[in-house]
Amino acid sequence: MSETHIVTIDRHIIEHERKHPEARGAFSNILTDMALAAKVISRKVNMAGLMDILGAAGSENVQGESVQKLDVFAQDAIYRAMDHTGDLCCMVSEEWEDIIPIPEKFPAGDYVLVFDPLDGSSNIDVNVSIGTVFAILRKVSNEERGSMADCLQPGRKQLAAGYVVYGSSTMLVYTTGNGVHGFTLDPSIGEFILSHPDIRIPEPPDRIYSINEAYTPRWTPGMKRFIEHLKFGDEESGGGGYSSRYIGSLVSDFHRTLLRGGIFLYPGDRENPSGKLRLLYEASPLAMIAEQAGGRASDGRSNILDIQPESLHQRTPLFLGSAGLVGAVERFLSEEGS
């Protein structure tokens, strides 16, 4: 008889909850509800070409970006899975300018959910993998339905972080600060099954970097030198022989980096020194996952998890992946004064 045990995400969450006798179940419920929302979104993504849900919705979000129909659906799916449970005091989303309140008709809880409902949704028309990013914070204020102080906490305060990648299969990856675990959705039974326990970024990593090189003319000298180092440097200094792999979907690029090693880079540049990616609900959740898997995340100077957010949609440069490579890019940027 096979020694392989089937572990669903619900069972995995419950088993970890049992290690904390003081737990009341609310935290586990949030993770379970996120998994449910991911199933709903996954089904819609997989049917997108057949259900008139491709393309733009005809509006812009708070970032000034064109809202896709799937963005609207994913936002609503997560909100509807979470708004009535009594576990959250409020939410923050890429698609909303302000804090998302829990309706007065529902009870409020002790946690905050921050999320990007559908990263890379503009790629769905050409069948490129896209994803959801999320993190959970504990309420720190006395406000029943949350406050800005509850939302603007550094990544180090995250209780859990995760992402879902909707690709050739749908996979949910999360951490609660005790390792990183990946679950693949089995559509035949509608369950996320543990497929990647205790994920670690490989060492030595694959010699792969992920960056949009179309922006090379905008980069600082230090950034240009680092990419040249990866391509043509000598092996003694850890460079040379690296290949570029860039999908253009943050979750997908990070997912490959997590499983294969290497580095993902989205630097600031002369036109956008603060970068493009959002600190609160993109960079910080993925930083927690990277660190729990043995990697690192930086804005080029500081650990992403130690940065205090000043606004809900604050942007940041992001260097994410194998610890040695993140340290190397920090050195190159420091040497150039970038």
C-alpha atoms as a PDB file:
ATOM      1  CA  MET A   1       0.000   0.000   0.000  1.00  0.00           C
ATOM      2  CA  SER A   2       1.279   3.483  -0.815  1.00  0.00           C
ATOM      3  CA  GLU A   3       2.811   5.495   2.031  1.00  0.00           C
ATOM      4  CA  THR A   4       1.645   8.739   0.427  1.00  0.00           C
ATOM      5  CA  HIS A   5      -1.001  10.586   2.436  1.00  0.00           C
ATOM      6  CA  ILE A   6      -3.467  12.989   0.875  1.00  0.00           C
ATOM      7  CA  VAL A   7      -3.468  16.260   2.804  1.00  0.00           C
ATOM      8  CA  THR A   8      -5.974  18.942   1.872  1.00  0.00           C
ATOM      9  CA  ILE A   9      -5.327  22.586   2.657  1.00  0.00           C
ATOM     10  CA  ASP A  10      -8.174  22.562   5.194  1.00  0.00           C
ATOM     11  CA  ARG A  11      -6.619  19.630   7.031  1.00  0.00           C
ATOM     12  CA  HIS A  12      -3.183  21.250   6.887  1.00  0.00           C
ATOM     13  CA  ILE A  13      -4.526  24.496   8.376  1.00  0.00           C
ATOM     14  CA  ILE A  14      -6.367  22.640  11.156  1.00  0.00           C
ATOM     15  CA  GLU A  15      -3.335  20.527  12.039  1.00  0.00           C
ATOM     16  CA  HIS A  16      -1.197  23.648  12.394  1.00  0.00           C
ATOM     17  CA  GLU A  17      -3.903  25.327  14.469  1.00  0.00           C
ATOM     18  CA  ARG A  18      -3.776  22.445  16.958  1.00  0.00           C
ATOM     19  CA  LYS A  19      -0.188  23.417  17.759  1.00  0.00           C
ATOM     20  CA  HIS A  20      -1.596  26.624  19.279  1.00  0.00           C
ATOM     21  CA  PRO A  21      -4.084  25.698  22.027  1.00  0.00           C
ATOM     22  CA  GLU A  22      -4.976  29.354  22.514  1.00  0.00           C
ATOM     23  CA  ALA A  23      -6.215  29.670  18.925  1.00  0.00           C
ATOM     24  CA  ARG A  24      -9.918  30.429  18.523  1.00  0.00           C
ATOM     25  CA  GLY A  25     -10.195  29.447  14.867  1.00  0.00           C
ATOM     26  CA  ALA A  26     -10.661  32.887  13.299  1.00  0.00           C
ATOM     27  CA  PHE A  27      -7.181  32.982  11.774  1.00  0.00           C
ATOM     28  CA  SER A  28      -7.637  29.515  10.276  1.00  0.00           C
ATOM     29  CA  ASN A  29     -11.042  30.521   8.958  1.00  0.00           C
ATOM     30  CA  ILE A  30      -9.511  33.412   7.000  1.00  0.00           C
ATOM     31  CA  LEU A  31      -7.035  31.085   5.293  1.00  0.00           C
ATOM     32  CA  THR A  32      -9.794  28.608   4.509  1.00  0.00           C
ATOM     33  CA  ASP A  33     -11.983  31.368   3.071  1.00  0.00           C
ATOM     34  CA  MET A  34      -9.092  32.596   0.912  1.00  0.00           C
ATOM     35  CA  ALA A  35      -8.745  29.086  -0.483  1.00  0.00           C
ATOM     36  CA  LEU A  36     -12.467  29.089  -1.284  1.00  0.00           C
ATOM     37  CA  ALA A  37     -12.198  32.444  -3.075  1.00  0.00           C
ATOM     38  CA  ALA A  38      -9.211  31.110  -5.022  1.00  0.00           C
ATOM     39  CA  LYS A  39     -11.289  28.170  -6.271  1.00  0.00           C
ATOM     40  CA  VAL A  40     -14.021  30.535  -7.458  1.00  0.00           C
ATOM     41  CA  ILE A  41     -11.510  32.774  -9.242  1.00  0.00           C
ATOM     42  CA  SER A  42      -9.691  29.783 -10.734  1.00  0.00           C
ATOM     43  CA  ARG A  43     -12.888  28.487 -12.286  1.00  0.00           C
ATOM     44  CA  LYS A  44     -13.641  31.869 -13.826  1.00  0.00           C
ATOM     45  CA  VAL A  45     -10.077  32.268 -15.133  1.00  0.00           C
ATOM     46  CA  ASN A  46     -10.191  28.825 -16.726  1.00  0.00           C
ATOM     47  CA  MET A  47     -13.505  29.650 -18.404  1.00  0.00           C
ATOM     48  CA  ALA A  48     -12.563  33.222 -19.330  1.00  0.00           C
ATOM     49  CA  GLY A  49     -12.489  32.712 -23.078  1.00  0.00           C
ATOM     50  CA  LEU A  50     -15.958  31.174 -23.030  1.00  0.00           C
ATOM     51  CA  MET A  51     -17.748  33.582 -20.694  1.00  0.00           C
ATOM     52  CA  ASP A  52     -17.258  37.076 -22.123  1.00  0.00           C
ATOM     53  CA  ILE A  53     -15.010  38.076 -19.257  1.00  0.00           C
ATOM     54  CA  LEU A  54     -11.849  38.931 -21.167  1.00  0.00           C
ATOM     55  CA  GLY A  55     -10.683  42.483 -21.693  1.00  0.00           C
ATOM     56  CA  ALA A  56     -11.106  45.843 -19.979  1.00  0.00           C
ATOM     57  CA  ALA A  57     -14.073  46.775 -17.814  1.00  0.00           C
ATOM     58  CA  GLY A  58     -14.016  50.376 -19.062  1.00  0.00           C
ATOM     59  CA  SER A  59     -12.703  52.064 -15.905  1.00  0.00           C
ATOM     60  CA  GLU A  60      -9.465  52.768 -14.029  1.00  0.00           C
ATOM     61  CA  ASN A  61      -8.471  51.734 -10.525  1.00  0.00           C
ATOM     62  CA  VAL A  62      -6.787  53.901  -7.900  1.00  0.00           C
ATOM     63  CA  GLN A  63      -3.430  53.179  -9.561  1.00  0.00           C
ATOM     64  CA  GLY A  64      -4.607  54.766 -12.815  1.00  0.00           C
ATOM     65  CA  GLU A  65      -4.525  51.366 -14.497  1.00  0.00           C
ATOM     66  CA  SER A  66      -7.207  49.992 -16.766  1.00  0.00           C
ATOM     67  CA  VAL A  67      -9.489  47.674 -14.805  1.00  0.00           C
ATOM     68  CA  GLN A  68     -10.011  44.299 -16.439  1.00  0.00           C
ATOM     69  CA  LYS A  69     -13.277  42.387 -16.162  1.00  0.00           C
ATOM     70  CA  LEU A  70     -11.487  39.643 -14.277  1.00  0.00           C
ATOM     71  CA  ASP A  71     -10.124  42.212 -11.788  1.00  0.00           C
ATOM     72  CA  VAL A  72     -13.689  43.158 -10.928  1.00  0.00           C
ATOM     73  CA  PHE A  73     -14.728  39.522 -10.568  1.00  0.00           C
ATOM     74  CA  ALA A  74     -11.722  38.589  -8.392  1.00  0.00           C
ATOM     75  CA  GLN A  75     -12.190  41.626  -6.152  1.00  0.00           C
ATOM     76  CA  ASP A  76     -15.830  40.737  -5.610  1.00  0.00           C
ATOM     77  CA  ALA A  77     -15.115  37.041  -5.039  1.00  0.00           C
ATOM     78  CA  ILE A  78     -12.626  37.735  -2.247  1.00  0.00           C
ATOM     79  CA  TYR A  79     -14.770  40.444  -0.687  1.00  0.00           C
ATOM     80  CA  ARG A  80     -17.882  38.256  -0.671  1.00  0.00           C
ATOM     81  CA  ALA A  81     -15.954  35.349   0.858  1.00  0.00           C
ATOM     82  CA  MET A  82     -14.710  37.585   3.680  1.00  0.00           C
ATOM     83  CA  ASP A  83     -17.172  40.377   4.476  1.00  0.00           C
ATOM     84  CA  HIS A  84     -19.662  38.419   6.620  1.00  0.00           C
ATOM     85  CA  THR A  85     -17.530  35.986   8.602  1.00  0.00           C
ATOM     86  CA  GLY A  86     -16.837  38.091  11.688  1.00  0.00           C
ATOM     87  CA  ASP A  87     -13.093  37.385  11.438  1.00  0.00           C
ATOM     88  CA  LEU A  88     -11.946  40.658   9.806  1.00  0.00           C
ATOM     89  CA  CYS A  89     -12.186  44.254  11.000  1.00  0.00           C
ATOM     90  CA  CYS A  90     -11.403  45.621   7.514  1.00  0.00           C
ATOM     91  CA  MET A  91      -9.615  44.908   4.229  1.00  0.00           C
ATOM     92  CA  VAL A  92      -7.231  46.664   1.834  1.00  0.00           C
ATOM     93  CA  SER A  93      -7.146  45.974  -1.911  1.00  0.00           C
ATOM     94  CA  GLU A  94      -5.236  47.248  -4.900  1.00  0.00           C
ATOM     95  CA  GLU A  95      -8.580  48.043  -6.498  1.00  0.00           C
ATOM     96  CA  TRP A  96      -9.893  50.304  -3.692  1.00  0.00           C
ATOM     97  CA  GLU A  97      -8.509  53.730  -2.801  1.00  0.00           C
ATOM     98  CA  ASP A  98      -9.404  53.587   0.887  1.00  0.00           C
ATOM     99  CA  ILE A  99      -9.824  50.955   3.584  1.00  0.00           C
ATOM    100  CA  ILE A 100     -12.611  48.514   2.745  1.00  0.00           C
ATOM    101  CA  PRO A 101     -14.962  48.446   5.743  1.00  0.00           C
ATOM    102  CA  ILE A 102     -16.876  45.432   6.966  1.00  0.00           C
ATOM    103  CA  PRO A 103     -20.586  46.213   6.511  1.00  0.00           C
ATOM    104  CA  GLU A 104     -22.317  47.301   9.714  1.00  0.00           C
ATOM    105  CA  LYS A 105     -24.818  44.445   9.403  1.00  0.00           C
ATOM    106  CA  PHE A 106     -22.007  41.921   9.936  1.00  0.00           C
ATOM    107  CA  PRO A 107     -19.809  41.418  13.032  1.00  0.00           C
ATOM    108  CA  ALA A 108     -16.181  42.610  12.940  1.00  0.00           C
ATOM    109  CA  GLY A 109     -13.128  40.628  14.012  1.00  0.00           C
ATOM    110  CA  ASP A 110      -9.509  41.075  15.019  1.00  0.00           C
ATOM    111  CA  TYR A 111      -7.685  40.719  11.693  1.00  0.00           C
ATOM    112  CA  VAL A 112      -6.936  42.724   8.549  1.00  0.00           C
ATOM    113  CA  LEU A 113      -6.719  41.194   5.077  1.00  0.00           C
ATOM    114  CA  VAL A 114      -4.594  42.976   2.465  1.00  0.00           C
ATOM    115  CA  PHE A 115      -4.646  41.663  -1.089  1.00  0.00           C
ATOM    116  CA  ASP A 116      -4.065  42.171  -4.781  1.00  0.00           C
ATOM    117  CA  PRO A 117      -7.069  40.337  -6.220  1.00  0.00           C
ATOM    118  CA  LEU A 118      -5.627  39.568  -9.644  1.00  0.00           C
ATOM    119  CA  ASP A 119      -2.057  40.489 -10.476  1.00  0.00           C
ATOM    120  CA  GLY A 120      -1.192  40.423 -14.182  1.00  0.00           C
ATOM    121  CA  SER A 121      -4.813  40.264 -15.339  1.00  0.00           C
ATOM    122  CA  SER A 122      -4.012  42.101 -18.592  1.00  0.00           C
ATOM    123  CA  ASN A 123      -2.136  38.938 -19.640  1.00  0.00           C
ATOM    124  CA  ILE A 124      -5.179  36.665 -19.503  1.00  0.00           C
ATOM    125  CA  ASP A 125      -6.122  37.488 -23.098  1.00  0.00           C
ATOM    126  CA  VAL A 126      -2.951  35.725 -24.261  1.00  0.00           C
ATOM    127  CA  ASN A 127      -3.233  32.842 -21.753  1.00  0.00           C
ATOM    128  CA  VAL A 128      -0.333  33.895 -19.516  1.00  0.00           C
ATOM    129  CA  SER A 129      -0.398  32.838 -15.871  1.00  0.00           C
ATOM    130  CA  ILE A 130      -1.770  35.387 -13.408  1.00  0.00           C
ATOM    131  CA  GLY A 131      -2.222  35.407  -9.653  1.00  0.00           C
ATOM    132  CA  THR A 132      -3.605  36.645  -6.331  1.00  0.00           C
ATOM    133  CA  VAL A 133      -1.423  37.935  -3.463  1.00  0.00           C
ATOM    134  CA  PHE A 134      -2.568  38.293   0.152  1.00  0.00           C
ATOM    135  CA  ALA A 135      -1.451  38.761   3.754  1.00  0.00           C
ATOM    136  CA  ILE A 136      -3.097  38.775   7.176  1.00  0.00           C
ATOM    137  CA  LEU A 137      -2.353  41.284   9.944  1.00  0.00           C
ATOM    138  CA  ARG A 138      -3.634  41.443  13.516  1.00  0.00           C
ATOM    139  CA  LYS A 139      -5.623  44.519  14.518  1.00  0.00           C
ATOM    140  CA  VAL A 140      -3.585  46.821  16.781  1.00  0.00           C
ATOM    141  CA  SER A 141      -6.041  49.665  17.391  1.00  0.00           C
ATOM    142  CA  ASN A 142      -9.139  49.873  19.559  1.00  0.00           C
ATOM    143  CA  GLU A 143     -11.307  50.693  16.529  1.00  0.00           C
ATOM    144  CA  GLU A 144     -13.952  47.999  16.159  1.00  0.00           C
ATOM    145  CA  ARG A 145     -13.890  48.113  12.351  1.00  0.00           C
ATOM    146  CA  GLY A 146     -10.254  48.908  11.890  1.00  0.00           C
ATOM    147  CA  SER A 147      -8.177  52.011  11.266  1.00  0.00           C
ATOM    148  CA  MET A 148      -5.265  53.154   9.146  1.00  0.00           C
ATOM    149  CA  ALA A 149      -2.911  52.077  11.957  1.00  0.00           C
ATOM    150  CA  ASP A 150      -4.193  48.518  11.634  1.00  0.00           C
ATOM    151  CA  CYS A 151      -3.487  48.473   7.903  1.00  0.00           C
ATOM    152  CA  LEU A 152      -0.170  50.342   7.760  1.00  0.00           C
ATOM    153  CA  GLN A 153       1.957  47.776   9.561  1.00  0.00           C
ATOM    154  CA  PRO A 154       5.388  46.638   8.336  1.00  0.00           C
ATOM    155  CA  GLY A 155       5.677  43.229   6.728  1.00  0.00           C
ATOM    156  CA  ARG A 156       7.425  41.877   9.801  1.00  0.00           C
ATOM    157  CA  LYS A 157       4.033  42.086  11.548  1.00  0.00           C
ATOM    158  CA  GLN A 158       2.301  39.828   9.023  1.00  0.00           C
ATOM    159  CA  LEU A 159       0.841  36.711  10.590  1.00  0.00           C
ATOM    160  CA  ALA A 160       0.495  34.937   7.258  1.00  0.00           C
ATOM    161  CA  ALA A 161       1.134  35.598   3.591  1.00  0.00           C
ATOM    162  CA  GLY A 162       0.388  33.744   0.420  1.00  0.00           C
ATOM    163  CA  TYR A 163      -0.329  33.797  -3.255  1.00  0.00           C
ATOM    164  CA  VAL A 164      -2.312  31.841  -5.804  1.00  0.00           C
ATOM    165  CA  VAL A 165      -1.015  31.262  -9.314  1.00  0.00           C
ATOM    166  CA  TYR A 166      -3.571  30.447 -12.010  1.00  0.00           C
ATOM    167  CA  GLY A 167      -1.612  28.645 -14.693  1.00  0.00           C
ATOM    168  CA  SER A 168      -1.500  25.193 -16.252  1.00  0.00           C
ATOM    169  CA  SER A 169      -2.649  24.208 -12.767  1.00  0.00           C
ATOM    170  CA  THR A 170      -3.895  26.393  -9.920  1.00  0.00           C
ATOM    171  CA  MET A 171      -1.544  26.463  -6.956  1.00  0.00           C
ATOM    172  CA  LEU A 172      -1.881  28.169  -3.573  1.00  0.00           C
ATOM    173  CA  VAL A 173       1.312  28.831  -1.607  1.00  0.00           C
ATOM    174  CA  TYR A 174       1.271  30.201   1.939  1.00  0.00           C
ATOM    175  CA  THR A 175       3.238  30.633   5.141  1.00  0.00           C
ATOM    176  CA  THR A 176       2.249  31.370   8.708  1.00  0.00           C
ATOM    177  CA  GLY A 177       5.858  31.873   9.765  1.00  0.00           C
ATOM    178  CA  ASN A 178       6.670  28.166  10.017  1.00  0.00           C
ATOM    179  CA  GLY A 179       7.869  27.299   6.539  1.00  0.00           C
ATOM    180  CA  VAL A 180       6.275  27.592   3.120  1.00  0.00           C
ATOM    181  CA  HIS A 181       3.809  25.059   1.748  1.00  0.00           C
ATOM    182  CA  GLY A 182       2.243  24.708  -1.687  1.00  0.00           C
ATOM    183  CA  PHE A 183      -1.115  23.169  -2.607  1.00  0.00           C
ATOM    184  CA  THR A 184      -2.307  22.250  -6.089  1.00  0.00           C
ATOM    185  CA  LEU A 185      -6.000  22.370  -6.932  1.00  0.00           C
ATOM    186  CA  ASP A 186      -7.432  19.040  -8.031  1.00  0.00           C
ATOM    187  CA  PRO A 187     -10.406  20.164 -10.134  1.00  0.00           C
ATOM    188  CA  SER A 188     -11.932  16.695 -10.125  1.00  0.00           C
ATOM    189  CA  ILE A 189     -12.642  16.886  -6.383  1.00  0.00           C
ATOM    190  CA  GLY A 190     -12.466  20.656  -5.893  1.00  0.00           C
ATOM    191  CA  GLU A 191      -9.745  20.488  -3.248  1.00  0.00           C
ATOM    192  CA  PHE A 192      -6.305  22.033  -2.791  1.00  0.00           C
ATOM    193  CA  ILE A 193      -3.943  19.107  -2.121  1.00  0.00           C
ATOM    194  CA  LEU A 194      -0.531  19.459  -0.473  1.00  0.00           C
ATOM    195  CA  SER A 195       1.924  19.016  -3.349  1.00  0.00           C
ATOM    196  CA  HIS A 196       4.972  21.064  -2.261  1.00  0.00           C
ATOM    197  CA  PRO A 197       5.643  20.722   1.494  1.00  0.00           C
ATOM    198  CA  ASP A 198       8.363  22.813   3.131  1.00  0.00           C
ATOM    199  CA  ILE A 199       9.447  24.730   0.033  1.00  0.00           C
ATOM    200  CA  ARG A 200      13.027  26.025   0.115  1.00  0.00           C
ATOM    201  CA  ILE A 201      14.662  28.215  -2.506  1.00  0.00           C
ATOM    202  CA  PRO A 202      17.321  25.909  -3.985  1.00  0.00           C
ATOM    203  CA  GLU A 203      20.968  26.444  -3.149  1.00  0.00           C
ATOM    204  CA  PRO A 204      22.825  26.767  -5.373  1.00  0.00           C
ATOM    205  CA  PRO A 205      20.033  28.415  -7.346  1.00  0.00           C
ATOM    206  CA  ASP A 206      19.399  28.205 -11.060  1.00  0.00           C
ATOM    207  CA  ARG A 207      21.371  30.936 -12.799  1.00  0.00           C
ATOM    208  CA  ILE A 208      18.271  32.879 -13.777  1.00  0.00           C
ATOM    209  CA  TYR A 209      17.287  36.502 -13.374  1.00  0.00           C
ATOM    210  CA  SER A 210      13.903  38.050 -14.085  1.00  0.00           C
ATOM    211  CA  ILE A 211      13.626  41.701 -15.085  1.00  0.00           C
ATOM    212  CA  ASN A 212      12.055  43.854 -17.793  1.00  0.00           C
ATOM    213  CA  GLU A 213      15.148  44.781 -19.804  1.00  0.00           C
ATOM    214  CA  ALA A 214      13.146  47.158 -21.991  1.00  0.00           C
ATOM    215  CA  TYR A 215      13.704  49.678 -19.172  1.00  0.00           C
ATOM    216  CA  THR A 216      17.511  49.421 -19.339  1.00  0.00           C
ATOM    217  CA  PRO A 217      17.959  53.051 -20.537  1.00  0.00           C
ATOM    218  CA  ARG A 218      16.191  54.284 -17.380  1.00  0.00           C
ATOM    219  CA  TRP A 219      18.236  52.241 -14.912  1.00  0.00           C
ATOM    220  CA  THR A 220      20.819  53.677 -12.550  1.00  0.00           C
ATOM    221  CA  PRO A 221      24.493  52.829 -13.242  1.00  0.00           C
ATOM    222  CA  GLY A 222      24.556  50.345 -10.358  1.00  0.00           C
ATOM    223  CA  MET A 223      21.572  48.466 -11.730  1.00  0.00           C
ATOM    224  CA  LYS A 224      23.120  48.275 -15.197  1.00  0.00           C
ATOM    225  CA  ARG A 225      26.385  46.989 -13.751  1.00  0.00           C
ATOM    226  CA  PHE A 226      24.624  44.275 -11.764  1.00  0.00           C
ATOM    227  CA  ILE A 227      22.854  42.883 -14.823  1.00  0.00           C
ATOM    228  CA  GLU A 228      26.132  42.966 -16.748  1.00  0.00           C
ATOM    229  CA  HIS A 229      27.717  41.112 -13.820  1.00  0.00           C
ATOM    230  CA  LEU A 230      25.067  38.386 -14.030  1.00  0.00           C
ATOM    231  CA  LYS A 231      25.556  38.003 -17.764  1.00  0.00           C
ATOM    232  CA  PHE A 232      29.289  38.385 -18.183  1.00  0.00           C
ATOM    233  CA  GLY A 233      30.948  38.431 -14.745  1.00  0.00           C
ATOM    234  CA  ASP A 234      33.484  35.866 -13.586  1.00  0.00           C
ATOM    235  CA  GLU A 235      32.473  32.789 -11.638  1.00  0.00           C
ATOM    236  CA  GLU A 236      34.722  33.662  -8.690  1.00  0.00           C
ATOM    237  CA  SER A 237      32.584  36.705  -7.959  1.00  0.00           C
ATOM    238  CA  GLY A 238      29.366  34.729  -8.483  1.00  0.00           C
ATOM    239  CA  GLY A 239      28.499  36.195 -11.860  1.00  0.00           C
ATOM    240  CA  GLY A 240      28.417  35.116 -15.474  1.00  0.00           C
ATOM    241  CA  GLY A 241      26.247  32.658 -17.319  1.00  0.00           C
ATOM    242  CA  TYR A 242      22.869  33.873 -16.110  1.00  0.00           C
ATOM    243  CA  SER A 243      19.843  33.625 -18.396  1.00  0.00           C
ATOM    244  CA  SER A 244      16.870  35.978 -18.482  1.00  0.00           C
ATOM    245  CA  ARG A 245      13.366  34.632 -17.825  1.00  0.00           C
ATOM    246  CA  TYR A 246      10.665  37.305 -17.622  1.00  0.00           C
ATOM    247  CA  ILE A 247       6.936  36.620 -17.813  1.00  0.00           C
ATOM    248  CA  GLY A 248       5.672  40.057 -16.834  1.00  0.00           C
ATOM    249  CA  SER A 249       3.297  38.681 -14.196  1.00  0.00           C
ATOM    250  CA  LEU A 250       4.680  39.217 -10.683  1.00  0.00           C
ATOM    251  CA  VAL A 251       3.187  36.091  -9.121  1.00  0.00           C
ATOM    252  CA  SER A 252       4.342  33.877 -11.976  1.00  0.00           C
ATOM    253  CA  ASP A 253       7.859  35.311 -12.008  1.00  0.00           C
ATOM    254  CA  PHE A 254       8.136  34.934  -8.233  1.00  0.00           C
ATOM    255  CA  HIS A 255       6.694  31.405  -8.300  1.00  0.00           C
ATOM    256  CA  ARG A 256       9.445  30.284 -10.670  1.00  0.00           C
ATOM    257  CA  THR A 257      12.065  32.048  -8.538  1.00  0.00           C
ATOM    258  CA  LEU A 258      10.761  30.355  -5.391  1.00  0.00           C
ATOM    259  CA  LEU A 259      10.922  26.874  -6.909  1.00  0.00           C
ATOM    260  CA  ARG A 260      14.064  27.265  -9.010  1.00  0.00           C
ATOM    261  CA  GLY A 261      16.100  29.991  -7.321  1.00  0.00           C
ATOM    262  CA  GLY A 262      17.606  33.079  -8.913  1.00  0.00           C
ATOM    263  CA  ILE A 263      16.380  36.635  -8.527  1.00  0.00           C
ATOM    264  CA  PHE A 264      13.388  38.752  -9.516  1.00  0.00           C
ATOM    265  CA  LEU A 265      14.090  42.464  -9.953  1.00  0.00           C
ATOM    266  CA  TYR A 266      11.795  45.449 -10.364  1.00  0.00           C
ATOM    267  CA  PRO A 267      14.065  48.421  -9.621  1.00  0.00           C
ATOM    268  CA  GLY A 268      13.249  52.060  -9.376  1.00  0.00           C
ATOM    269  CA  ASP A 269      14.588  54.146 -12.229  1.00  0.00           C
ATOM    270  CA  ARG A 270      15.157  57.751 -13.198  1.00  0.00           C
ATOM    271  CA  GLU A 271      11.496  58.231 -14.112  1.00  0.00           C
ATOM    272  CA  ASN A 272      10.034  56.192 -11.230  1.00  0.00           C
ATOM    273  CA  PRO A 273      12.544  56.091  -8.361  1.00  0.00           C
ATOM    274  CA  SER A 274       9.969  54.510  -6.062  1.00  0.00           C
ATOM    275  CA  GLY A 275       9.386  51.640  -8.456  1.00  0.00           C
ATOM    276  CA  LYS A 276       6.008  50.271  -9.488  1.00  0.00           C
ATOM    277  CA  LEU A 277       5.081  47.448  -7.141  1.00  0.00           C
ATOM    278  CA  ARG A 278       2.993  48.094  -4.045  1.00  0.00           C
ATOM    279  CA  LEU A 279       4.631  47.562  -0.665  1.00  0.00           C
ATOM    280  CA  LEU A 280       1.635  46.566   1.439  1.00  0.00           C
ATOM    281  CA  TYR A 281      -0.115  43.904  -0.608  1.00  0.00           C
ATOM    282  CA  GLU A 282       2.472  42.799  -3.192  1.00  0.00           C
ATOM    283  CA  ALA A 283       6.050  43.229  -1.951  1.00  0.00           C
ATOM    284  CA  SER A 284       5.587  42.481   1.773  1.00  0.00           C
ATOM    285  CA  PRO A 285       3.582  39.243   1.377  1.00  0.00           C
ATOM    286  CA  LEU A 286       6.027  37.836  -1.165  1.00  0.00           C
ATOM    287  CA  ALA A 287       8.942  38.985   1.002  1.00  0.00           C
ATOM    288  CA  MET A 288       7.623  36.956   3.928  1.00  0.00           C
ATOM    289  CA  ILE A 289       7.316  33.886   1.729  1.00  0.00           C
ATOM    290  CA  ALA A 290      10.824  34.369   0.309  1.00  0.00           C
ATOM    291  CA  GLU A 291      12.351  34.750   3.762  1.00  0.00           C
ATOM    292  CA  GLN A 292      10.522  31.715   5.127  1.00  0.00           C
ATOM    293  CA  ALA A 293      11.894  29.730   2.175  1.00  0.00           C
ATOM    294  CA  GLY A 294      15.469  30.788   2.912  1.00  0.00           C
ATOM    295  CA  GLY A 295      15.632  33.763   0.558  1.00  0.00           C
ATOM    296  CA  ARG A 296      15.509  37.524   0.970  1.00  0.00           C
ATOM    297  CA  ALA A 297      13.627  40.589  -0.228  1.00  0.00           C
ATOM    298  CA  SER A 298      14.958  44.151  -0.414  1.00  0.00           C
ATOM    299  CA  ASP A 299      14.208  47.555  -1.879  1.00  0.00           C
ATOM    300  CA  GLY A 300      17.909  47.826  -2.697  1.00  0.00           C
ATOM    301  CA  ARG A 301      18.831  49.248   0.682  1.00  0.00           C
ATOM    302  CA  SER A 302      16.517  47.813   3.335  1.00  0.00           C
ATOM    303  CA  ASN A 303      14.765  44.546   4.050  1.00  0.00           C
ATOM    304  CA  ILE A 304      11.245  44.851   2.636  1.00  0.00           C
ATOM    305  CA  LEU A 305       9.766  43.370   5.814  1.00  0.00           C
ATOM    306  CA  ASP A 306      11.229  46.182   7.945  1.00  0.00           C
ATOM    307  CA  ILE A 307       9.834  49.089   5.908  1.00  0.00           C
ATOM    308  CA  GLN A 308       7.063  51.038   7.633  1.00  0.00           C
ATOM    309  CA  PRO A 309       4.275  51.753   5.121  1.00  0.00           C
ATOM    310  CA  GLU A 310       3.148  55.372   5.005  1.00  0.00           C
ATOM    311  CA  SER A 311       0.179  54.945   2.670  1.00  0.00           C
ATOM    312  CA  LEU A 312      -2.049  52.109   1.477  1.00  0.00           C
ATOM    313  CA  HIS A 313      -0.777  52.147  -2.097  1.00  0.00           C
ATOM    314  CA  GLN A 314       2.854  53.027  -1.442  1.00  0.00           C
ATOM    315  CA  ARG A 315       5.221  51.788  -4.138  1.00  0.00           C
ATOM    316  CA  THR A 316       8.649  50.270  -3.739  1.00  0.00           C
ATOM    317  CA  PRO A 317      11.529  48.852  -5.772  1.00  0.00           C
ATOM    318  CA  LEU A 318      11.706  45.087  -5.237  1.00  0.00           C
ATOM    319  CA  PHE A 319      14.551  42.577  -5.356  1.00  0.00           C
ATOM    320  CA  LEU A 320      13.373  39.130  -4.410  1.00  0.00           C
ATOM    321  CA  GLY A 321      14.823  35.635  -4.397  1.00  0.00           C
ATOM    322  CA  SER A 322      18.001  33.815  -3.434  1.00  0.00           C
ATOM    323  CA  ALA A 323      19.643  35.470  -0.440  1.00  0.00           C
ATOM    324  CA  GLY A 324      23.098  35.751  -1.991  1.00  0.00           C
ATOM    325  CA  LEU A 325      21.831  37.418  -5.141  1.00  0.00           C
ATOM    326  CA  VAL A 326      19.693  39.914  -3.233  1.00  0.00           C
ATOM    327  CA  GLY A 327      22.753  40.776  -1.146  1.00  0.00           C
ATOM    328  CA  ALA A 328      24.800  41.189  -4.321  1.00  0.00           C
ATOM    329  CA  VAL A 329      22.394  43.656  -5.926  1.00  0.00           C
ATOM    330  CA  GLU A 330      22.385  45.674  -2.688  1.00  0.00           C
ATOM    331  CA  ARG A 331      26.182  45.904  -2.882  1.00  0.00           C
ATOM    332  CA  PHE A 332      26.142  47.046  -6.495  1.00  0.00           C
ATOM    333  CA  LEU A 333      23.547  49.726  -5.779  1.00  0.00           C
ATOM    334  CA  SER A 334      25.422  50.872  -2.672  1.00  0.00           C
ATOM    335  CA  GLU A 335      28.735  51.140  -4.504  1.00  0.00           C
ATOM    336  CA  GLU A 336      27.171  53.348  -7.145  1.00  0.00           C
ATOM    337  CA  GLY A 337      25.320  55.487  -4.628  1.00  0.00           C
ATOM    338  CA  SER A 338      22.045  54.534  -6.335  1.00  0.00           C
END
